[in-house]
Amino acid sequence: MSKARPGVRAYLRLPALLALAVLSLSGCAMGGSGSGYTFAWYILSPSDARGQANLSFLLQGFWATVSISTLAMLISLVIGLAVALMGIAKRRWLFLASRVYVEFFRSIPLLVMILWVYYGLPALTGVQFGVFVTGLICLAISDSAFTSEIFRAGLQSIKVGQSEAARSLGLKPFQTMRLVILPQVVRAVLPALGNQYVYVLKMSSLVSVIGFQELTRRANELTLSEFRPLEIYTFLVLEYLALILLVSWGVRVMERRMGTGVHGRN
């Protein structure tokens, strides 16, 4: 008798968790009626014209959140890998430069960086970036300090014999890194990079402070017009929950296909 694949249960977690969240929030809503608060879920009801307009307004923030987070993550991967390679270089000045970069940007809160780049940089240099570019730069630079440490740990986990064997086959240093070392590093650090992408998705909400129209900003603006913060922010929680669970599920799928993770190794 054939056994079910070990990853089948993972495919059921997303809808199960979403259903549990909806039921829990609904239970809170029903329980809260005794406190004197009258819920107005009709402002987000798909069957109501007003609710449809509000839902459309809120859901349009998905693309903004995903786009800025994905682009920032891709840029941070490139910068982080470069800084990580500097961190394992034999030249001391490269190593020191990588440590200064990591410690400096890892120590600055993302919100402070966003406010400084958007409001402080123009006063200092006269250069003014738009809200999207400002958020993208700050997210990418801040996250690159963390991804560089992930890559550095992955690079240091590869045994020296791998490089020596590649050189014995006549591969040049660049070919050794691209064909032998990096594929193994990516397999090793994929779960950690997936966690970083989830982190960037959540931290992208901070770009709302300078007016970027992502999920949180749209929820704030709708709250000012509808005066229903509980219902709107509850829906915002569900939006982020669905997005993060979907990304986490995608990372698990990639882990299994690349042979990483708990169930990916024999």
Protein backbone atom coordinates (compact mmCIF):
# COMPACT_ATOMS: atom_id res chain seq x y z
CA MET A 1 0.00 0.00 0.00
CA SER A 2 1.54 3.31 -1.08
CA LYS A 3 2.16 5.98 1.51
CA ALA A 4 1.10 9.59 1.10
CA ARG A 5 3.82 11.99 0.18
CA PRO A 6 5.26 13.76 3.25
CA GLY A 7 4.56 17.18 1.70
CA VAL A 8 0.81 16.68 1.24
CA ARG A 9 -0.05 18.07 4.64
CA ALA A 10 1.89 21.24 3.88
CA TYR A 11 -0.46 22.01 0.99
CA LEU A 12 -3.41 21.95 3.40
CA ARG A 13 -1.89 24.26 6.00
CA LEU A 14 -2.57 27.54 4.20
CA PRO A 15 -6.36 27.14 3.77
CA ALA A 16 -6.65 25.54 7.20
CA LEU A 17 -4.84 28.38 8.94
CA LEU A 18 -6.80 31.00 7.04
CA ALA A 19 -10.08 29.31 7.94
CA LEU A 20 -9.00 29.13 11.59
CA ALA A 21 -8.10 32.83 11.55
CA VAL A 22 -11.44 33.81 10.03
CA LEU A 23 -13.35 31.71 12.57
CA SER A 24 -11.33 33.14 15.45
CA LEU A 25 -11.89 36.71 14.33
CA SER A 26 -15.57 36.02 13.78
CA GLY A 27 -15.78 34.60 17.27
CA CYS A 28 -14.13 37.71 18.64
CA ALA A 29 -16.64 39.84 16.76
CA MET A 30 -19.59 37.90 18.16
CA GLY A 31 -18.13 37.96 21.63
CA GLY A 32 -17.48 41.67 21.44
CA SER A 33 -21.14 42.51 20.83
CA GLY A 34 -21.78 42.31 24.56
CA SER A 35 -19.31 45.12 25.20
CA GLY A 36 -21.52 47.66 23.48
CA TYR A 37 -19.57 47.90 20.24
CA THR A 38 -21.67 47.55 17.08
CA PHE A 39 -19.72 45.90 14.29
CA ALA A 40 -20.13 47.21 10.76
CA TRP A 41 -18.70 44.47 8.55
CA TYR A 42 -20.92 45.67 5.71
CA ILE A 43 -18.26 48.29 4.87
CA LEU A 44 -16.16 45.37 3.62
CA SER A 45 -18.96 43.17 2.31
CA PRO A 46 -18.62 41.96 -1.31
CA SER A 47 -22.44 42.04 -1.60
CA ASP A 48 -22.60 45.78 -0.88
CA ALA A 49 -21.54 48.47 -3.38
CA ARG A 50 -19.77 50.43 -0.67
CA GLY A 51 -18.05 47.29 0.58
CA GLN A 52 -16.93 46.38 -2.93
CA ALA A 53 -15.32 49.78 -3.40
CA ASN A 54 -13.56 49.52 -0.02
CA LEU A 55 -12.33 45.98 -0.72
CA SER A 56 -11.02 47.03 -4.12
CA PHE A 57 -9.19 49.96 -2.55
CA LEU A 58 -7.58 47.77 0.12
CA LEU A 59 -6.63 44.89 -2.18
CA GLN A 60 -4.88 47.21 -4.61
CA GLY A 61 -2.19 47.56 -1.98
CA PHE A 62 -1.15 43.93 -2.53
CA TRP A 63 0.73 44.74 -5.73
CA ALA A 64 2.56 47.66 -4.11
CA THR A 65 3.62 45.56 -1.11
CA VAL A 66 4.74 42.57 -3.17
CA SER A 67 6.52 44.63 -5.83
CA ILE A 68 8.61 46.77 -3.48
CA SER A 69 9.41 43.79 -1.23
CA THR A 70 10.42 41.50 -4.11
CA LEU A 71 12.60 44.12 -5.80
CA ALA A 72 14.22 45.03 -2.49
CA MET A 73 14.92 41.37 -1.76
CA LEU A 74 16.51 40.80 -5.18
CA ILE A 75 18.75 43.85 -4.78
CA SER A 76 19.69 42.85 -1.25
CA LEU A 77 20.69 39.38 -2.48
CA VAL A 78 23.15 40.88 -4.95
CA ILE A 79 24.58 43.36 -2.44
CA GLY A 80 24.57 40.80 0.37
CA LEU A 81 26.46 38.24 -1.70
CA ALA A 82 29.08 40.82 -2.66
CA VAL A 83 29.53 41.89 0.97
CA ALA A 84 29.70 38.24 2.07
CA LEU A 85 32.45 37.52 -0.47
CA MET A 86 34.34 40.52 0.89
CA GLY A 87 33.87 39.10 4.38
CA ILE A 88 35.71 35.88 3.53
CA ALA A 89 38.40 37.57 1.43
CA LYS A 90 42.03 37.22 2.47
CA ARG A 91 42.70 40.94 2.06
CA ARG A 92 42.16 42.60 5.41
CA TRP A 93 40.78 45.87 4.03
CA LEU A 94 38.00 43.98 2.23
CA PHE A 95 37.14 42.10 5.41
CA LEU A 96 37.06 45.31 7.46
CA ALA A 97 34.93 47.08 4.84
CA SER A 98 32.39 44.25 4.95
CA ARG A 99 32.23 44.32 8.75
CA VAL A 100 31.73 48.10 8.81
CA TYR A 101 28.93 47.82 6.23
CA VAL A 102 27.12 45.04 8.10
CA GLU A 103 27.41 46.54 11.57
CA PHE A 104 26.48 50.04 10.41
CA PHE A 105 23.32 49.23 8.44
CA ARG A 106 22.25 46.45 10.77
CA SER A 107 22.29 48.90 13.68
CA ILE A 108 20.04 51.55 12.07
CA PRO A 109 16.28 51.00 12.54
CA LEU A 110 14.54 50.77 9.17
CA LEU A 111 12.00 53.45 10.06
CA VAL A 112 14.77 55.89 10.99
CA MET A 113 16.57 55.17 7.72
CA ILE A 114 13.41 55.77 5.68
CA LEU A 115 12.74 59.10 7.39
CA TRP A 116 16.36 60.23 7.02
CA VAL A 117 16.60 59.36 3.32
CA TYR A 118 13.23 60.95 2.51
CA TYR A 119 13.45 64.08 4.66
CA GLY A 120 17.10 64.45 5.66
CA LEU A 121 18.94 63.60 2.43
CA PRO A 122 17.27 66.39 0.37
CA ALA A 123 18.28 68.97 2.99
CA LEU A 124 21.87 67.70 2.94
CA THR A 125 22.43 67.08 -0.77
CA GLY A 126 19.42 68.54 -2.57
CA VAL A 127 18.59 65.07 -3.97
CA GLN A 128 14.96 64.06 -3.52
CA PHE A 129 13.78 60.51 -4.20
CA GLY A 130 10.17 59.48 -4.68
CA VAL A 131 8.40 57.39 -2.06
CA PHE A 132 8.83 54.14 -4.01
CA VAL A 133 12.55 54.65 -4.68
CA THR A 134 13.15 55.75 -1.09
CA GLY A 135 11.42 52.68 0.30
CA LEU A 136 13.19 50.40 -2.18
CA ILE A 137 16.64 51.77 -1.34
CA CYS A 138 16.12 51.59 2.41
CA LEU A 139 14.59 48.11 2.37
CA ALA A 140 17.33 46.75 0.09
CA ILE A 141 20.24 48.26 2.00
CA SER A 142 18.86 47.35 5.41
CA ASP A 143 18.11 43.78 4.38
CA SER A 144 21.45 43.33 2.58
CA ALA A 145 23.24 43.61 5.92
CA PHE A 146 21.33 40.53 7.10
CA THR A 147 21.50 38.55 3.86
CA SER A 148 25.27 39.09 3.74
CA GLU A 149 25.59 37.30 7.07
CA ILE A 150 23.41 34.48 5.79
CA PHE A 151 25.58 34.10 2.69
CA ARG A 152 28.77 34.34 4.73
CA ALA A 153 27.64 31.52 6.99
CA GLY A 154 26.74 29.45 3.92
CA LEU A 155 30.09 30.12 2.26
CA GLN A 156 32.00 29.20 5.40
CA SER A 157 30.03 25.96 5.70
CA ILE A 158 31.46 24.67 2.40
CA LYS A 159 34.53 22.52 2.96
CA VAL A 160 37.86 23.69 1.58
CA GLY A 161 38.18 20.44 -0.31
CA GLN A 162 35.45 21.57 -2.69
CA SER A 163 37.58 24.44 -3.97
CA GLU A 164 40.70 22.32 -4.09
CA ALA A 165 38.93 19.64 -6.14
CA ALA A 166 37.61 22.28 -8.55
CA ARG A 167 41.10 23.73 -9.03
CA SER A 168 42.49 20.27 -9.68
CA LEU A 169 39.98 19.97 -12.52
CA GLY A 170 41.30 23.15 -14.07
CA LEU A 171 38.46 25.49 -13.06
CA LYS A 172 39.31 29.12 -12.55
CA PRO A 173 38.32 30.88 -9.28
CA PHE A 174 35.25 32.52 -10.85
CA GLN A 175 34.13 29.22 -12.39
CA THR A 176 34.68 27.44 -9.08
CA MET A 177 32.52 29.94 -7.26
CA ARG A 178 29.75 29.95 -9.88
CA LEU A 179 29.62 26.22 -10.69
CA VAL A 180 30.70 24.52 -7.47
CA ILE A 181 30.40 26.75 -4.41
CA LEU A 182 27.35 28.97 -4.98
CA PRO A 183 24.91 26.14 -5.93
CA GLN A 184 25.71 24.44 -2.63
CA VAL A 185 25.46 27.71 -0.71
CA VAL A 186 22.02 28.49 -2.16
CA ARG A 187 20.73 25.05 -1.16
CA ALA A 188 22.06 25.55 2.36
CA VAL A 189 20.74 29.06 2.97
CA LEU A 190 17.40 28.86 1.12
CA PRO A 191 15.28 28.47 4.30
CA ALA A 192 17.00 31.47 5.89
CA LEU A 193 16.53 33.56 2.75
CA GLY A 194 12.86 32.61 2.72
CA ASN A 195 12.56 33.92 6.27
CA GLN A 196 14.27 37.14 5.19
CA TYR A 197 11.75 37.64 2.39
CA VAL A 198 8.93 37.27 4.91
CA TYR A 199 10.72 39.82 7.10
CA VAL A 200 10.97 42.28 4.18
CA LEU A 201 7.27 41.84 3.36
CA LYS A 202 6.34 42.79 6.90
CA MET A 203 8.85 45.63 7.15
CA SER A 204 7.56 47.16 3.91
CA SER A 205 4.63 48.44 5.97
CA LEU A 206 6.99 51.05 7.42
CA VAL A 207 7.24 52.76 4.02
CA SER A 208 3.64 53.86 4.60
CA VAL A 209 4.93 56.66 6.85
CA ILE A 210 6.11 58.60 3.77
CA GLY A 211 2.91 57.99 1.82
CA PHE A 212 3.61 54.80 -0.15
CA GLN A 213 0.27 53.24 -1.09
CA GLU A 214 0.83 49.69 0.16
CA LEU A 215 -1.47 47.59 2.34
CA THR A 216 -1.00 49.46 5.60
CA ARG A 217 -1.22 52.93 4.07
CA ARG A 218 -4.48 52.10 2.31
CA ALA A 219 -5.92 50.68 5.52
CA ASN A 220 -4.97 53.89 7.36
CA GLU A 221 -6.57 56.08 4.71
CA LEU A 222 -9.77 54.01 4.64
CA THR A 223 -9.96 54.21 8.43
CA LEU A 224 -9.92 58.01 8.23
CA SER A 225 -12.91 58.00 5.87
CA GLU A 226 -14.95 55.14 7.35
CA PHE A 227 -14.08 55.61 11.06
CA ARG A 228 -14.08 51.82 11.52
CA PRO A 229 -10.54 50.92 12.63
CA LEU A 230 -11.41 47.52 14.15
CA GLU A 231 -13.02 46.11 11.02
CA ILE A 232 -10.45 47.58 8.62
CA TYR A 233 -7.37 46.61 10.62
CA THR A 234 -8.82 43.15 11.16
CA PHE A 235 -9.04 42.79 7.40
CA LEU A 236 -5.45 44.10 7.18
CA VAL A 237 -4.34 41.33 9.54
CA LEU A 238 -5.98 38.76 7.28
CA GLU A 239 -4.31 40.29 4.22
CA TYR A 240 -0.85 39.99 5.71
CA LEU A 241 -1.65 36.55 7.09
CA ALA A 242 -2.70 35.27 3.66
CA LEU A 243 0.33 36.85 1.98
CA ILE A 244 2.88 35.54 4.48
CA LEU A 245 1.39 32.04 4.56
CA LEU A 246 1.40 31.91 0.76
CA VAL A 247 5.06 32.96 0.62
CA SER A 248 5.98 30.48 3.36
CA TRP A 249 4.23 27.70 1.44
CA GLY A 250 6.13 28.67 -1.73
CA VAL A 251 9.44 28.56 0.13
CA ARG A 252 8.62 25.08 1.46
CA VAL A 253 7.88 23.90 -2.07
CA MET A 254 11.24 25.26 -3.28
CA GLU A 255 13.00 23.57 -0.38
CA ARG A 256 11.53 20.19 -1.27
CA ARG A 257 12.37 20.56 -4.94
CA MET A 258 15.95 21.54 -4.15
CA GLY A 259 16.35 18.79 -1.59
CA THR A 260 16.61 21.05 1.45
CA GLY A 261 14.59 21.32 4.61
CA VAL A 262 13.39 18.67 7.02
CA HIS A 263 11.73 16.37 4.50
CA GLY A 264 14.12 17.12 1.64
CA ARG A 265 17.02 14.93 2.80
CA ASN A 266 17.18 11.19 2.95
